[in-house]
């Protein structure tokens, strides 16, 4: 079982959070992964943050699946690339599972995705 996420990269999201949340909300009903859900969680400030540091903001989607089909994978990457172009933000795909005890970022999706990154993500998520 893969427990994965696709979040916007970064925490300075005040100017784009509504646009990104709406894009994900519109994408979810079109994607066949029934476990996928919208996440929009701005974490509270913690004592370890400096004055100019922003708290983490998880904005995107979480999903569980045995594997994605090639079509489901392509739909996700296409959506993230398109949303990156519209918002000028990159997205990170990551997760955890049987071999990952802690969440780990697996790759970044922007308007251009490097082939090695795409191949690595495809191997992890599709098989």
Protein backbone atom coordinates (compact mmCIF):
# COMPACT_ATOMS: atom_id res chain seq x y z
CA UNK A 1 0.00 0.00 0.00
CA UNK A 2 1.30 3.44 -0.96
CA UNK A 3 0.42 6.36 1.31
CA UNK A 4 1.30 9.39 -0.77
CA UNK A 5 0.84 13.13 -1.01
CA UNK A 6 1.09 15.83 -3.65
CA UNK A 7 1.52 19.21 -1.96
CA UNK A 8 2.47 22.66 -3.16
CA UNK A 9 6.11 23.27 -2.26
CA UNK A 10 6.67 25.98 0.33
CA UNK A 11 4.76 27.73 3.08
CA UNK A 12 4.35 31.26 1.70
CA UNK A 13 0.94 30.52 0.21
CA UNK A 14 -1.28 33.39 1.36
CA UNK A 15 -1.60 34.83 -2.15
CA UNK A 16 -2.32 31.55 -3.94
CA UNK A 17 -3.86 29.18 -1.39
CA UNK A 18 -7.46 29.73 -2.54
CA UNK A 19 -6.56 29.22 -6.21
CA UNK A 20 -4.60 26.04 -5.46
CA UNK A 21 -7.26 24.61 -3.13
CA UNK A 22 -9.91 25.24 -5.79
CA UNK A 23 -7.78 23.56 -8.47
CA UNK A 24 -7.35 20.45 -6.29
CA UNK A 25 -11.05 20.44 -5.37
CA UNK A 26 -11.92 20.48 -9.09
CA UNK A 27 -9.36 17.77 -9.92
CA UNK A 28 -10.36 15.24 -7.25
CA UNK A 29 -13.77 14.27 -8.71
CA UNK A 30 -12.15 13.65 -12.11
CA UNK A 31 -9.44 11.34 -10.73
CA UNK A 32 -10.37 7.72 -10.15
CA UNK A 33 -8.47 7.31 -6.86
CA UNK A 34 -11.35 7.15 -4.38
CA UNK A 35 -9.10 7.57 -1.32
CA UNK A 36 -7.76 10.93 -2.55
CA UNK A 37 -8.70 13.85 -0.34
CA UNK A 38 -7.96 17.55 -0.22
CA UNK A 39 -5.55 18.71 2.49
CA UNK A 40 -5.30 22.37 3.50
CA UNK A 41 -3.55 22.44 6.86
CA UNK A 42 -1.61 25.47 8.00
CA UNK A 43 0.33 24.33 11.05
CA UNK A 44 0.76 26.59 14.08
CA UNK A 45 4.00 28.39 14.77
CA UNK A 46 6.40 26.44 16.94
CA UNK A 47 9.09 27.66 19.31
CA UNK A 48 11.90 26.50 17.02
CA UNK A 49 10.90 28.91 14.22
CA UNK A 50 12.81 32.15 13.81
CA UNK A 51 10.89 35.41 13.42
CA UNK A 52 11.11 35.33 9.61
CA UNK A 53 10.29 31.60 9.31
CA UNK A 54 6.83 30.52 8.25
CA UNK A 55 5.09 27.49 9.74
CA UNK A 56 4.53 24.50 7.48
CA UNK A 57 1.45 24.60 5.27
CA UNK A 58 0.30 21.30 3.75
CA UNK A 59 -1.86 22.13 0.74
CA UNK A 60 -2.67 19.52 -1.87
CA UNK A 61 -3.92 15.96 -1.70
CA UNK A 62 -3.31 12.71 0.15
CA UNK A 63 -4.10 9.32 -1.33
CA UNK A 64 -3.67 5.61 -0.69
CA UNK A 65 -3.39 3.01 -3.42
CA UNK A 66 -1.80 -0.33 -4.11
CA UNK A 67 -0.44 1.22 -7.31
CA UNK A 68 -1.55 3.89 -9.74
CA UNK A 69 -2.40 2.89 -13.27
CA UNK A 70 -0.29 4.57 -15.96
CA UNK A 71 -3.33 6.72 -16.82
CA UNK A 72 -3.87 7.78 -13.19
CA UNK A 73 -0.19 8.67 -12.90
CA UNK A 74 -0.25 10.70 -16.12
CA UNK A 75 -3.41 12.52 -14.99
CA UNK A 76 -1.77 13.50 -11.69
CA UNK A 77 1.47 14.72 -13.29
CA UNK A 78 -0.41 16.62 -16.00
CA UNK A 79 -2.65 18.29 -13.41
CA UNK A 80 0.32 19.27 -11.22
CA UNK A 81 2.29 20.65 -14.20
CA UNK A 82 -0.70 22.65 -15.40
CA UNK A 83 -1.37 24.01 -11.90
CA UNK A 84 2.33 24.86 -11.52
CA UNK A 85 2.13 26.94 -14.70
CA UNK A 86 -1.02 28.71 -13.52
CA UNK A 87 0.30 29.49 -10.02
CA UNK A 88 4.07 29.71 -10.58
CA UNK A 89 4.52 27.14 -7.78
CA UNK A 90 6.16 23.73 -7.76
CA UNK A 91 4.58 20.64 -6.27
CA UNK A 92 6.20 17.81 -4.37
CA UNK A 93 5.11 14.18 -4.50
CA UNK A 94 6.11 12.01 -1.58
CA UNK A 95 4.83 9.55 0.93
CA UNK A 96 5.47 6.64 3.20
CA UNK A 97 4.63 2.99 3.20
CA UNK A 98 5.94 -0.43 4.12
CA UNK A 99 9.54 0.54 3.41
CA UNK A 100 9.17 4.20 4.44
CA UNK A 101 8.46 4.80 8.14
CA UNK A 102 8.74 8.59 7.84
CA UNK A 103 7.31 10.75 5.09
CA UNK A 104 9.82 11.36 2.33
CA UNK A 105 9.68 13.71 -0.66
CA UNK A 106 10.16 11.67 -3.84
CA UNK A 107 10.18 14.31 -6.55
CA UNK A 108 9.15 17.77 -7.64
CA UNK A 109 6.70 18.67 -10.40
CA UNK A 110 6.80 22.09 -12.01
CA UNK A 111 6.10 23.39 -15.46
CA UNK A 112 8.98 21.22 -16.65
CA UNK A 113 9.73 17.81 -15.14
CA UNK A 114 13.14 16.23 -15.58
CA UNK A 115 12.96 12.78 -17.16
CA UNK A 116 14.87 11.01 -14.33
CA UNK A 117 12.42 12.45 -11.78
CA UNK A 118 9.45 11.34 -13.85
CA UNK A 119 10.90 7.84 -14.30
CA UNK A 120 11.61 7.54 -10.57
CA UNK A 121 8.09 8.65 -9.63
CA UNK A 122 6.55 6.32 -12.21
CA UNK A 123 8.54 3.39 -10.82
CA UNK A 124 7.41 4.15 -7.25
CA UNK A 125 3.76 4.86 -7.98
CA UNK A 126 2.99 2.66 -10.99
CA UNK A 127 5.53 -0.12 -10.64
